[in-house]
């Protein structure tokens, strides 16, 4: 079995198109989507118009969980997506599951227990650092993860592959659409890959063991950055151009 994992598109349609084209060129049996699909000052409605006909196995990220809330309570990135989406698109988002199991593959956005926590990183303000395998294994002490050969996560936008001591493979494919961000949860910190490329992962099961490859795809990031700037988001403009925060 060969699958592609995409995550954290954040409404970046040019990045998504580039990644889907690269996946088609390389070939795979299945593409899975790990959430945070539309939130951001880019192309939320158009991104779902591109994705929904593909019928990819998809889970909710923290932003999908937040979007159906009261409009007045939404942060700017969620608010932009909320007002742009059709009622049918919002219904589709509200119905997404937080976790999904496909054979021996577990899909989660953050950790199996929280869509706001990082699976493969520890907080080390003002940034993050890779977690030890023992810490990751402790976060995976959940029924759906116990016998999973492959655990896929997103949320940190940070590409990483980690082989646990018991042979399980944990993978964050990185972000398709947003290579850097600043957040105040649970403490202020920044994340960045250092390049504007779109990210995803290819995973393949060989002889009962999962192996992975992290991939970076160049795309027209200047157009995405200009879109963010035109909508009053200089923070996204900078992140999309440089893969880091100012």
Protein backbone atom coordinates (compact mmCIF):
# COMPACT_ATOMS: atom_id res chain seq x y z
CA UNK A 1 0.00 0.00 0.00
CA UNK A 2 1.27 3.44 -0.95
CA UNK A 3 -0.43 6.56 0.34
CA UNK A 4 0.08 10.31 0.30
CA UNK A 5 -0.63 12.43 3.38
CA UNK A 6 -1.54 16.10 3.09
CA UNK A 7 -2.30 18.48 5.94
CA UNK A 8 -2.79 22.12 6.87
CA UNK A 9 -3.77 23.44 3.44
CA UNK A 10 -5.23 26.62 4.98
CA UNK A 11 -7.01 27.65 1.81
CA UNK A 12 -3.84 27.85 -0.26
CA UNK A 13 -5.19 26.64 -3.59
CA UNK A 14 -2.00 27.13 -5.70
CA UNK A 15 -0.02 25.08 -3.16
CA UNK A 16 -2.69 22.38 -3.12
CA UNK A 17 -2.75 22.18 -6.91
CA UNK A 18 1.03 21.80 -6.99
CA UNK A 19 0.98 19.03 -4.39
CA UNK A 20 -1.86 17.12 -6.06
CA UNK A 21 -0.01 17.31 -9.38
CA UNK A 22 3.17 15.97 -7.77
CA UNK A 23 1.22 13.13 -6.14
CA UNK A 24 -0.37 12.24 -9.49
CA UNK A 25 3.07 12.20 -11.11
CA UNK A 26 4.53 9.88 -8.46
CA UNK A 27 1.43 7.70 -8.06
CA UNK A 28 -0.22 6.30 -4.95
CA UNK A 29 -3.19 4.18 -3.89
CA UNK A 30 -4.79 6.71 -1.55
CA UNK A 31 -4.50 10.37 -0.49
CA UNK A 32 -5.55 11.33 3.05
CA UNK A 33 -6.19 14.80 4.44
CA UNK A 34 -5.30 15.61 8.05
CA UNK A 35 -7.29 18.82 8.54
CA UNK A 36 -6.94 22.61 8.83
CA UNK A 37 -8.19 22.83 5.29
CA UNK A 38 -9.55 26.33 4.68
CA UNK A 39 -8.78 28.71 7.55
CA UNK A 40 -6.77 31.72 6.40
CA UNK A 41 -6.86 34.83 4.18
CA UNK A 42 -6.56 32.95 0.89
CA UNK A 43 -9.08 30.85 -1.12
CA UNK A 44 -11.27 28.85 1.29
CA UNK A 45 -14.30 28.28 -0.96
CA UNK A 46 -12.21 27.46 -4.01
CA UNK A 47 -10.07 25.05 -2.00
CA UNK A 48 -13.11 23.01 -1.00
CA UNK A 49 -14.46 23.15 -4.55
CA UNK A 50 -11.18 21.53 -5.61
CA UNK A 51 -11.12 18.94 -2.83
CA UNK A 52 -14.68 17.73 -2.38
CA UNK A 53 -15.00 15.97 -5.76
CA UNK A 54 -11.88 13.93 -4.87
CA UNK A 55 -13.65 12.37 -1.86
CA UNK A 56 -10.43 11.98 0.11
CA UNK A 57 -10.55 10.40 3.56
CA UNK A 58 -10.46 13.56 5.69
CA UNK A 59 -10.45 14.48 9.37
CA UNK A 60 -11.15 17.74 11.14
CA UNK A 61 -8.36 19.92 12.41
CA UNK A 62 -8.79 22.43 15.19
CA UNK A 63 -9.90 25.05 12.68
CA UNK A 64 -12.66 22.80 11.30
CA UNK A 65 -13.84 22.31 14.88
CA UNK A 66 -13.84 26.07 15.44
CA UNK A 67 -15.48 27.20 12.18
CA UNK A 68 -19.09 26.22 13.01
CA UNK A 69 -18.96 28.43 16.15
CA UNK A 70 -20.50 31.87 16.57
CA UNK A 71 -19.11 34.19 13.84
CA UNK A 72 -18.45 37.01 16.31
CA UNK A 73 -16.10 34.79 18.33
CA UNK A 74 -13.89 33.69 15.43
CA UNK A 75 -10.29 34.79 14.94
CA UNK A 76 -9.56 36.60 11.64
CA UNK A 77 -8.37 33.54 9.69
CA UNK A 78 -11.42 31.51 10.67
CA UNK A 79 -13.73 34.48 10.13
CA UNK A 80 -12.51 34.93 6.56
CA UNK A 81 -13.11 31.26 5.79
CA UNK A 82 -16.50 31.20 7.49
CA UNK A 83 -17.91 34.09 5.45
CA UNK A 84 -16.56 32.69 2.19
CA UNK A 85 -17.93 29.15 2.49
CA UNK A 86 -21.30 28.00 1.24
CA UNK A 87 -23.84 26.42 3.64
CA UNK A 88 -23.17 23.02 2.07
CA UNK A 89 -19.42 23.42 2.57
CA UNK A 90 -19.93 24.38 6.22
CA UNK A 91 -22.12 21.31 6.71
CA UNK A 92 -19.40 19.11 5.23
CA UNK A 93 -16.83 20.62 7.59
CA UNK A 94 -19.09 20.19 10.63
CA UNK A 95 -19.48 16.48 9.85
CA UNK A 96 -15.75 15.67 9.68
CA UNK A 97 -14.51 13.18 12.31
CA UNK A 98 -11.61 14.11 14.63
CA UNK A 99 -9.90 10.73 14.08
CA UNK A 100 -9.97 8.11 11.35
CA UNK A 101 -8.58 4.60 11.17
CA UNK A 102 -7.84 3.04 7.76
CA UNK A 103 -6.50 -0.50 8.15
CA UNK A 104 -3.42 -0.04 10.36
CA UNK A 105 -3.14 3.73 9.71
CA UNK A 106 -4.40 6.25 12.25
CA UNK A 107 -5.17 9.81 11.16
CA UNK A 108 -5.17 12.55 13.79
CA UNK A 109 -4.63 16.29 13.51
CA UNK A 110 -2.62 16.99 16.65
CA UNK A 111 -2.50 13.96 18.94
CA UNK A 112 -5.17 11.25 19.26
CA UNK A 113 -6.37 13.03 22.38
CA UNK A 114 -6.25 16.69 21.29
CA UNK A 115 -6.31 18.65 18.05
CA UNK A 116 -4.40 21.47 19.78
CA UNK A 117 -1.35 19.53 21.01
CA UNK A 118 1.72 18.60 18.99
CA UNK A 119 2.52 14.90 18.61
CA UNK A 120 6.14 15.09 17.43
CA UNK A 121 7.34 18.33 19.03
CA UNK A 122 7.83 19.82 22.47
CA UNK A 123 7.31 23.48 23.19
CA UNK A 124 10.59 25.33 23.60
CA UNK A 125 9.59 29.00 23.43
CA UNK A 126 10.04 30.99 21.32
CA UNK A 127 9.95 27.91 19.07
CA UNK A 128 9.50 24.12 19.23
CA UNK A 129 11.91 21.18 19.24
CA UNK A 130 11.62 17.52 18.23
CA UNK A 131 10.20 15.27 20.92
CA UNK A 132 11.94 12.14 22.12
CA UNK A 133 10.45 8.85 20.95
CA UNK A 134 9.41 8.03 24.52
CA UNK A 135 7.39 11.25 24.76
CA UNK A 136 5.67 10.53 21.44
CA UNK A 137 4.86 6.98 22.54
CA UNK A 138 3.27 8.34 25.72
CA UNK A 139 1.03 10.66 23.65
CA UNK A 140 -0.03 7.65 21.60
CA UNK A 141 -1.36 5.69 24.55
CA UNK A 142 -4.84 5.67 23.03
CA UNK A 143 -6.91 2.65 21.94
CA UNK A 144 -6.89 3.54 18.25
CA UNK A 145 -3.12 4.06 18.24
CA UNK A 146 -1.98 0.97 20.14
CA UNK A 147 -1.85 -1.36 17.14
CA UNK A 148 -1.44 1.23 14.39
CA UNK A 149 1.59 0.64 12.22
CA UNK A 150 1.48 4.24 11.00
CA UNK A 151 0.26 7.35 12.81
CA UNK A 152 -0.23 10.48 10.68
CA UNK A 153 -0.56 13.92 12.26
CA UNK A 154 -0.41 17.58 11.33
CA UNK A 155 -0.97 20.80 13.27
CA UNK A 156 2.67 21.81 13.85
CA UNK A 157 3.29 22.40 10.10
CA UNK A 158 6.69 20.77 10.72
CA UNK A 159 7.66 17.79 8.51
CA UNK A 160 9.04 14.87 10.51
CA UNK A 161 9.31 11.09 10.44
CA UNK A 162 9.95 9.19 13.67
CA UNK A 163 10.34 5.44 14.18
CA UNK A 164 9.18 4.40 17.64
CA UNK A 165 10.90 1.65 19.61
CA UNK A 166 8.02 -0.74 18.95
CA UNK A 167 8.34 -0.29 15.18
CA UNK A 168 5.43 2.09 14.63
CA UNK A 169 6.09 5.02 12.32
CA UNK A 170 4.83 8.50 13.20
CA UNK A 171 4.73 11.09 10.44
CA UNK A 172 3.87 14.75 10.12
CA UNK A 173 3.84 15.62 6.39
CA UNK A 174 4.21 19.35 7.08
CA UNK A 175 1.86 21.99 5.76
CA UNK A 176 0.67 22.18 2.19
CA UNK A 177 -0.25 25.84 2.45
CA UNK A 178 1.41 27.67 5.35
CA UNK A 179 5.11 27.08 6.10
CA UNK A 180 5.29 29.33 9.18
CA UNK A 181 3.03 30.78 11.86
CA UNK A 182 2.92 32.44 15.26
CA UNK A 183 0.50 31.30 17.96
CA UNK A 184 -0.22 32.16 21.57
CA UNK A 185 -1.41 28.65 22.53
CA UNK A 186 -0.58 27.42 25.08
CA UNK A 187 2.30 29.91 25.29
CA UNK A 188 3.58 32.30 22.60
CA UNK A 189 5.84 30.59 20.06
CA UNK A 190 6.70 30.50 16.35
CA UNK A 191 7.09 27.70 13.83
CA UNK A 192 8.73 27.83 10.42
CA UNK A 193 10.33 25.50 7.87
CA UNK A 194 12.57 28.17 6.37
CA UNK A 195 11.33 27.74 2.80
CA UNK A 196 8.06 28.68 1.05
CA UNK A 197 7.60 25.22 -0.50
CA UNK A 198 4.40 23.21 -0.13
CA UNK A 199 4.92 20.02 1.88
CA UNK A 200 3.46 16.52 1.93
CA UNK A 201 4.54 12.93 2.61
CA UNK A 202 4.53 9.64 0.74
CA UNK A 203 4.22 6.49 2.85
CA UNK A 204 4.62 2.91 1.70
CA UNK A 205 4.13 -0.38 3.50
CA UNK A 206 6.86 -2.83 2.62
CA UNK A 207 6.86 -6.29 4.15
CA UNK A 208 4.52 -5.21 6.93
CA UNK A 209 6.59 -2.13 7.87
CA UNK A 210 5.80 1.45 6.95
CA UNK A 211 8.46 3.68 5.39
CA UNK A 212 8.09 7.35 4.57
CA UNK A 213 9.43 10.17 2.46
CA UNK A 214 8.97 13.89 3.18
CA UNK A 215 8.59 16.00 0.06
CA UNK A 216 8.80 19.72 -0.71
CA UNK A 217 7.08 21.11 -3.81
CA UNK A 218 7.83 24.56 -5.22
CA UNK A 219 4.77 26.55 -6.32
CA UNK A 220 3.78 30.14 -7.10
CA UNK A 221 4.00 31.28 -3.48
CA UNK A 222 4.24 34.95 -4.50
CA UNK A 223 0.64 34.85 -5.73
CA UNK A 224 -0.53 33.38 -2.42
CA UNK A 225 1.45 35.97 -0.49
CA UNK A 226 -0.01 38.79 -2.57
CA UNK A 227 -3.50 37.47 -1.89
CA UNK A 228 -2.86 37.54 1.87
CA UNK A 229 -1.45 41.06 1.65
CA UNK A 230 -4.47 42.26 -0.31
CA UNK A 231 -6.71 41.00 2.48
CA UNK A 232 -4.80 42.86 5.18
CA UNK A 233 -2.61 40.04 6.49
CA UNK A 234 1.06 41.09 6.33
CA UNK A 235 1.93 38.24 8.72
CA UNK A 236 0.74 35.65 6.20
CA UNK A 237 2.36 37.57 3.36
CA UNK A 238 5.75 37.29 5.06
CA UNK A 239 5.29 33.66 6.10
CA UNK A 240 4.28 32.57 2.61
CA UNK A 241 7.22 34.35 0.98
CA UNK A 242 9.94 33.31 3.41
CA UNK A 243 8.84 30.19 5.32
CA UNK A 244 9.46 31.94 8.61
CA UNK A 245 7.98 34.70 10.71
CA UNK A 246 9.41 38.24 10.92
